[in-house]
């Protein structure tokens, strides 16, 4: 099973910036179709923030367009999320997600453990 490890969460004041990282690793040969970031506020459903496919195409949820940027390092099989102009309402848990191809098994989806981001007013 491919494992996703996230880092970069923390405390930032409103209007500031943070960069999240997610690195994929596994004991077998694998490749990634897409990697994405989700967010979840207390008592709310988890929702997609941004996604990037292996060819480089990206998609963002409406309220982060122009503020957030998702990118990939295919050599490291990693995804990054640059977050700018952060708002207090974006105090949420962010989770990394990937669609995985692994030789010998069916394609599957997997999640990282999540990391907390806190935006102060």
N, C-alpha and C. Protein backbone atom coordinates (compact mmCIF):
# COMPACT_ATOMS: atom_id res chain seq x y z
N UNK A 1 0.84 -1.18 0.00
CA UNK A 1 0.00 0.00 0.00
C UNK A 1 0.88 1.24 0.00
N UNK A 2 0.57 2.18 -0.89
CA UNK A 2 1.27 3.45 -0.92
C UNK A 2 0.86 4.28 0.29
N UNK A 3 1.85 4.92 0.90
CA UNK A 3 1.61 5.78 2.06
C UNK A 3 1.87 7.24 1.69
N UNK A 4 1.00 8.12 2.16
CA UNK A 4 1.14 9.55 1.96
C UNK A 4 1.50 10.21 3.27
N UNK A 5 2.56 11.02 3.27
CA UNK A 5 3.02 11.70 4.47
C UNK A 5 2.98 13.20 4.23
N UNK A 6 2.24 13.91 5.07
CA UNK A 6 2.04 15.34 4.92
C UNK A 6 2.88 16.12 5.93
N UNK A 7 3.20 17.36 5.57
CA UNK A 7 3.89 18.26 6.46
C UNK A 7 3.60 19.69 6.05
N UNK A 8 3.87 20.63 6.96
CA UNK A 8 3.75 22.04 6.64
C UNK A 8 2.62 22.78 7.31
N UNK A 9 1.76 22.08 8.05
CA UNK A 9 0.70 22.76 8.76
C UNK A 9 1.25 23.58 9.91
N UNK A 10 0.40 24.45 10.46
CA UNK A 10 0.82 25.27 11.58
C UNK A 10 -0.07 26.47 11.77
N UNK A 11 0.47 27.46 12.47
CA UNK A 11 -0.26 28.68 12.82
C UNK A 11 0.22 29.82 11.94
N UNK A 12 -0.73 30.56 11.39
CA UNK A 12 -0.41 31.72 10.56
C UNK A 12 -1.48 32.78 10.80
N UNK A 13 -1.09 34.04 10.70
CA UNK A 13 -2.06 35.11 10.86
C UNK A 13 -2.82 35.33 9.56
N UNK A 14 -4.01 35.91 9.68
CA UNK A 14 -4.81 36.20 8.50
C UNK A 14 -4.02 37.06 7.52
N UNK A 15 -4.11 36.69 6.25
CA UNK A 15 -3.36 37.37 5.21
C UNK A 15 -2.01 36.76 4.93
N UNK A 16 -1.57 35.84 5.77
CA UNK A 16 -0.29 35.20 5.60
C UNK A 16 -0.34 34.01 4.67
N UNK A 17 0.79 33.29 4.61
CA UNK A 17 0.94 32.18 3.68
C UNK A 17 1.53 30.96 4.37
N UNK A 18 1.19 29.79 3.85
CA UNK A 18 1.77 28.52 4.27
C UNK A 18 1.96 27.64 3.04
N UNK A 19 2.86 26.68 3.17
CA UNK A 19 3.10 25.71 2.11
C UNK A 19 2.99 24.31 2.69
N UNK A 20 2.09 23.50 2.14
CA UNK A 20 1.92 22.12 2.55
C UNK A 20 2.63 21.19 1.57
N UNK A 21 3.16 20.09 2.11
CA UNK A 21 3.83 19.09 1.29
C UNK A 21 3.23 17.72 1.56
N UNK A 22 3.20 16.88 0.54
CA UNK A 22 2.74 15.50 0.67
C UNK A 22 3.63 14.63 -0.20
N UNK A 23 4.25 13.63 0.39
CA UNK A 23 5.17 12.74 -0.30
C UNK A 23 4.63 11.32 -0.27
N UNK A 24 4.61 10.67 -1.42
CA UNK A 24 4.14 9.29 -1.53
C UNK A 24 5.32 8.32 -1.51
N UNK A 25 5.13 7.20 -0.83
CA UNK A 25 6.16 6.17 -0.78
C UNK A 25 5.51 4.80 -0.72
N UNK A 26 6.25 3.77 -1.15
CA UNK A 26 5.75 2.41 -1.12
C UNK A 26 6.85 1.41 -1.34
N UNK A 27 6.56 0.16 -1.03
CA UNK A 27 7.55 -0.91 -1.15
C UNK A 27 7.56 -1.57 -2.53
N UNK A 28 6.61 -1.23 -3.39
CA UNK A 28 6.53 -1.77 -4.73
C UNK A 28 6.55 -0.64 -5.76
N UNK A 29 6.66 -1.02 -7.02
CA UNK A 29 6.62 -0.03 -8.09
C UNK A 29 5.21 0.52 -8.21
N UNK A 30 5.09 1.84 -8.25
CA UNK A 30 3.79 2.46 -8.37
C UNK A 30 3.90 3.78 -9.11
N UNK A 31 2.77 4.28 -9.57
CA UNK A 31 2.68 5.59 -10.18
C UNK A 31 1.39 6.25 -9.71
N UNK A 32 1.32 7.57 -9.89
CA UNK A 32 0.19 8.34 -9.39
C UNK A 32 -0.54 8.99 -10.56
N UNK A 33 -1.84 8.74 -10.66
CA UNK A 33 -2.65 9.41 -11.66
C UNK A 33 -2.92 10.86 -11.29
N UNK A 34 -3.28 11.07 -10.03
CA UNK A 34 -3.58 12.41 -9.56
C UNK A 34 -3.28 12.50 -8.07
N UNK A 35 -2.98 13.71 -7.61
CA UNK A 35 -2.83 13.99 -6.19
C UNK A 35 -3.63 15.25 -5.88
N UNK A 36 -4.21 15.29 -4.69
CA UNK A 36 -5.12 16.36 -4.37
C UNK A 36 -5.04 16.71 -2.89
N UNK A 37 -5.58 17.88 -2.56
CA UNK A 37 -5.71 18.35 -1.18
C UNK A 37 -7.18 18.57 -0.85
N UNK A 38 -7.58 18.06 0.32
CA UNK A 38 -8.91 18.26 0.86
C UNK A 38 -8.81 19.02 2.18
N UNK A 39 -9.91 19.66 2.57
CA UNK A 39 -9.97 20.36 3.84
C UNK A 39 -11.24 19.98 4.58
N UNK A 40 -11.19 20.09 5.91
CA UNK A 40 -12.35 19.79 6.72
C UNK A 40 -12.34 20.68 7.96
N UNK A 41 -13.37 21.50 8.10
CA UNK A 41 -13.58 22.30 9.29
C UNK A 41 -14.42 21.51 10.29
N UNK A 42 -14.37 21.87 11.59
CA UNK A 42 -15.17 21.15 12.58
C UNK A 42 -16.65 21.14 12.21
N UNK A 43 -17.27 20.00 12.34
CA UNK A 43 -18.70 19.80 12.09
C UNK A 43 -19.10 20.02 10.63
N UNK A 44 -18.14 19.99 9.73
CA UNK A 44 -18.43 20.14 8.32
C UNK A 44 -17.87 18.97 7.52
N UNK A 45 -18.38 18.79 6.32
CA UNK A 45 -17.92 17.73 5.44
C UNK A 45 -16.56 18.07 4.84
N UNK A 46 -15.78 17.04 4.60
CA UNK A 46 -14.51 17.23 3.91
C UNK A 46 -14.79 17.59 2.45
N UNK A 47 -14.02 18.53 1.91
CA UNK A 47 -14.23 18.97 0.55
C UNK A 47 -12.92 19.15 -0.18
N UNK A 48 -12.98 19.00 -1.50
CA UNK A 48 -11.80 19.15 -2.34
C UNK A 48 -11.37 20.61 -2.41
N UNK A 49 -10.06 20.84 -2.27
CA UNK A 49 -9.48 22.17 -2.42
C UNK A 49 -8.81 22.32 -3.78
N UNK A 50 -7.95 21.37 -4.12
CA UNK A 50 -7.21 21.43 -5.37
C UNK A 50 -6.76 20.05 -5.78
N UNK A 51 -6.60 19.83 -7.08
CA UNK A 51 -6.15 18.55 -7.60
C UNK A 51 -5.22 18.80 -8.77
N UNK A 52 -4.23 17.93 -8.92
CA UNK A 52 -3.32 18.00 -10.05
C UNK A 52 -3.15 16.60 -10.62
N UNK A 53 -3.23 16.47 -11.93
CA UNK A 53 -3.07 15.20 -12.62
C UNK A 53 -1.63 15.03 -13.11
N UNK A 54 -1.32 13.80 -13.53
CA UNK A 54 0.05 13.48 -13.90
C UNK A 54 0.55 14.32 -15.07
N UNK A 55 -0.35 14.73 -15.96
CA UNK A 55 0.04 15.56 -17.08
C UNK A 55 0.22 17.03 -16.74
N UNK A 56 -0.12 17.43 -15.51
CA UNK A 56 0.08 18.79 -15.07
C UNK A 56 -1.18 19.64 -14.99
N UNK A 57 -2.31 19.13 -15.46
CA UNK A 57 -3.55 19.89 -15.37
C UNK A 57 -3.98 20.03 -13.92
N UNK A 58 -4.64 21.14 -13.60
CA UNK A 58 -5.06 21.42 -12.23
C UNK A 58 -6.51 21.88 -12.19
N UNK A 59 -7.11 21.76 -11.01
CA UNK A 59 -8.45 22.25 -10.77
C UNK A 59 -8.52 22.72 -9.32
N UNK A 60 -9.22 23.84 -9.08
CA UNK A 60 -9.36 24.42 -7.76
C UNK A 60 -10.81 24.67 -7.42
N UNK A 61 -11.13 24.59 -6.14
CA UNK A 61 -12.45 25.01 -5.71
C UNK A 61 -12.53 26.53 -5.80
N UNK A 62 -13.73 27.05 -5.99
CA UNK A 62 -13.89 28.46 -6.36
C UNK A 62 -13.28 29.43 -5.36
N UNK A 63 -13.42 29.20 -4.07
CA UNK A 63 -13.00 30.20 -3.10
C UNK A 63 -11.49 30.25 -2.86
N UNK A 64 -10.71 29.40 -3.52
CA UNK A 64 -9.25 29.49 -3.40
C UNK A 64 -8.58 29.88 -4.72
N UNK A 65 -9.34 30.01 -5.77
CA UNK A 65 -8.76 30.38 -7.06
C UNK A 65 -8.08 31.74 -6.95
N UNK A 66 -6.86 31.81 -7.45
CA UNK A 66 -6.09 33.04 -7.38
C UNK A 66 -5.30 33.20 -6.11
N UNK A 67 -5.56 32.38 -5.08
CA UNK A 67 -4.83 32.45 -3.82
C UNK A 67 -3.95 31.23 -3.56
N UNK A 68 -4.42 30.06 -3.98
CA UNK A 68 -3.71 28.81 -3.75
C UNK A 68 -3.12 28.31 -5.05
N UNK A 69 -2.02 27.57 -4.95
CA UNK A 69 -1.40 26.96 -6.12
C UNK A 69 -0.94 25.55 -5.78
N UNK A 70 -1.35 24.57 -6.58
CA UNK A 70 -0.94 23.19 -6.40
C UNK A 70 0.10 22.84 -7.45
N UNK A 71 1.12 22.08 -7.06
CA UNK A 71 2.17 21.68 -7.97
C UNK A 71 2.67 20.29 -7.61
N UNK A 72 3.37 19.65 -8.56
CA UNK A 72 3.89 18.30 -8.35
C UNK A 72 5.39 18.25 -8.63
N UNK A 73 6.05 17.35 -7.93
CA UNK A 73 7.41 16.96 -8.24
C UNK A 73 7.34 15.48 -8.57
N UNK A 74 7.29 15.16 -9.85
CA UNK A 74 7.09 13.77 -10.26
C UNK A 74 8.28 12.87 -9.92
N UNK A 75 9.48 13.43 -9.87
CA UNK A 75 10.65 12.64 -9.51
C UNK A 75 10.55 12.15 -8.07
N UNK A 76 10.02 12.99 -7.18
CA UNK A 76 9.85 12.62 -5.78
C UNK A 76 8.47 12.06 -5.47
N UNK A 77 7.58 12.08 -6.45
CA UNK A 77 6.18 11.71 -6.27
C UNK A 77 5.61 12.48 -5.08
N UNK A 78 5.64 13.78 -5.20
CA UNK A 78 5.19 14.67 -4.15
C UNK A 78 4.27 15.73 -4.72
N UNK A 79 3.41 16.27 -3.87
CA UNK A 79 2.52 17.35 -4.24
C UNK A 79 2.65 18.45 -3.19
N UNK A 80 2.52 19.70 -3.63
CA UNK A 80 2.65 20.85 -2.75
C UNK A 80 1.44 21.75 -2.93
N UNK A 81 1.10 22.46 -1.88
CA UNK A 81 0.01 23.43 -1.93
C UNK A 81 0.51 24.73 -1.32
N UNK A 82 0.68 25.75 -2.16
CA UNK A 82 1.01 27.10 -1.70
C UNK A 82 -0.29 27.83 -1.40
N UNK A 83 -0.42 28.30 -0.17
CA UNK A 83 -1.63 28.96 0.27
C UNK A 83 -1.30 30.39 0.66
N UNK A 84 -1.93 31.34 -0.01
CA UNK A 84 -1.69 32.75 0.21
C UNK A 84 -2.98 33.46 0.61
N UNK A 85 -2.84 34.62 1.23
CA UNK A 85 -3.98 35.44 1.66
C UNK A 85 -4.97 34.61 2.48
N UNK A 86 -4.45 33.92 3.48
CA UNK A 86 -5.27 33.02 4.28
C UNK A 86 -6.27 33.78 5.14
N UNK A 87 -7.41 33.16 5.36
CA UNK A 87 -8.52 33.75 6.09
C UNK A 87 -8.80 32.98 7.36
N UNK A 88 -9.37 33.64 8.41
CA UNK A 88 -9.67 32.93 9.65
C UNK A 88 -10.58 31.73 9.46
N UNK A 89 -11.49 31.79 8.52
CA UNK A 89 -12.37 30.67 8.26
C UNK A 89 -11.68 29.44 7.69
N UNK A 90 -10.39 29.57 7.36
CA UNK A 90 -9.63 28.46 6.81
C UNK A 90 -8.80 27.75 7.89
N UNK A 91 -9.26 27.82 9.14
CA UNK A 91 -8.70 27.01 10.21
C UNK A 91 -9.31 25.61 10.08
N UNK A 92 -8.56 24.71 9.48
CA UNK A 92 -9.10 23.42 9.06
C UNK A 92 -8.00 22.37 9.05
N UNK A 93 -8.43 21.11 8.98
CA UNK A 93 -7.52 20.00 8.77
C UNK A 93 -7.40 19.76 7.27
N UNK A 94 -6.17 19.71 6.79
CA UNK A 94 -5.91 19.44 5.38
C UNK A 94 -5.36 18.03 5.22
N UNK A 95 -5.89 17.32 4.21
CA UNK A 95 -5.48 15.95 3.96
C UNK A 95 -5.08 15.78 2.50
N UNK A 96 -4.05 15.00 2.29
CA UNK A 96 -3.57 14.67 0.96
C UNK A 96 -4.24 13.39 0.47
N UNK A 97 -4.54 13.34 -0.81
CA UNK A 97 -5.20 12.20 -1.42
C UNK A 97 -4.52 11.87 -2.74
N UNK A 98 -4.50 10.59 -3.11
CA UNK A 98 -3.89 10.19 -4.37
C UNK A 98 -4.64 9.03 -5.01
N UNK A 99 -4.73 9.06 -6.33
CA UNK A 99 -5.19 7.93 -7.12
C UNK A 99 -3.96 7.19 -7.60
N UNK A 100 -3.84 5.90 -7.24
CA UNK A 100 -2.60 5.16 -7.36
C UNK A 100 -2.74 4.02 -8.35
N UNK A 101 -1.71 3.84 -9.19
CA UNK A 101 -1.55 2.65 -10.00
C UNK A 101 -0.37 1.86 -9.45
N UNK A 102 -0.61 0.59 -9.13
CA UNK A 102 0.42 -0.29 -8.61
C UNK A 102 0.37 -1.60 -9.38
N UNK A 103 1.52 -2.05 -9.88
CA UNK A 103 1.57 -3.28 -10.67
C UNK A 103 1.03 -4.46 -9.87
N UNK A 104 0.14 -5.23 -10.50
CA UNK A 104 -0.38 -6.44 -9.89
C UNK A 104 -1.66 -6.28 -9.10
N UNK A 105 -2.10 -5.05 -8.87
CA UNK A 105 -3.33 -4.81 -8.13
C UNK A 105 -4.18 -3.79 -8.87
N UNK A 106 -5.45 -3.72 -8.52
CA UNK A 106 -6.34 -2.73 -9.10
C UNK A 106 -5.96 -1.33 -8.63
N UNK A 107 -6.22 -0.35 -9.48
CA UNK A 107 -6.00 1.04 -9.09
C UNK A 107 -6.83 1.37 -7.85
N UNK A 108 -6.29 2.23 -7.00
CA UNK A 108 -6.98 2.56 -5.76
C UNK A 108 -6.69 3.99 -5.33
N UNK A 109 -7.46 4.43 -4.35
CA UNK A 109 -7.35 5.76 -3.78
C UNK A 109 -6.87 5.65 -2.33
N UNK A 110 -5.99 6.56 -1.91
CA UNK A 110 -5.48 6.51 -0.55
C UNK A 110 -5.34 7.92 0.03
N UNK A 111 -5.31 8.00 1.36
CA UNK A 111 -5.29 9.26 2.09
C UNK A 111 -4.07 9.37 3.00
N UNK A 112 -3.62 10.60 3.20
CA UNK A 112 -2.66 10.88 4.26
C UNK A 112 -3.36 11.02 5.59
N UNK A 113 -2.58 11.25 6.65
CA UNK A 113 -3.13 11.30 8.00
C UNK A 113 -3.78 12.63 8.33
N UNK A 114 -3.51 13.66 7.57
CA UNK A 114 -4.05 14.99 7.79
C UNK A 114 -3.13 15.86 8.62
N UNK A 115 -3.23 17.17 8.42
CA UNK A 115 -2.46 18.12 9.21
C UNK A 115 -3.31 19.35 9.48
N UNK A 116 -3.08 19.95 10.65
CA UNK A 116 -3.90 21.07 11.10
C UNK A 116 -3.29 22.39 10.63
N UNK A 117 -4.15 23.25 10.10
CA UNK A 117 -3.77 24.63 9.81
C UNK A 117 -4.67 25.56 10.61
N UNK A 118 -4.08 26.51 11.32
CA UNK A 118 -4.82 27.46 12.12
C UNK A 118 -4.50 28.87 11.65
N UNK A 119 -5.53 29.63 11.32
CA UNK A 119 -5.38 31.00 10.86
C UNK A 119 -5.95 31.93 11.92
N UNK A 120 -5.12 32.79 12.49
CA UNK A 120 -5.55 33.72 13.52
C UNK A 120 -6.03 35.02 12.88
N UNK A 121 -6.91 35.72 13.60
CA UNK A 121 -7.44 36.97 13.09
C UNK A 121 -6.47 38.12 13.33
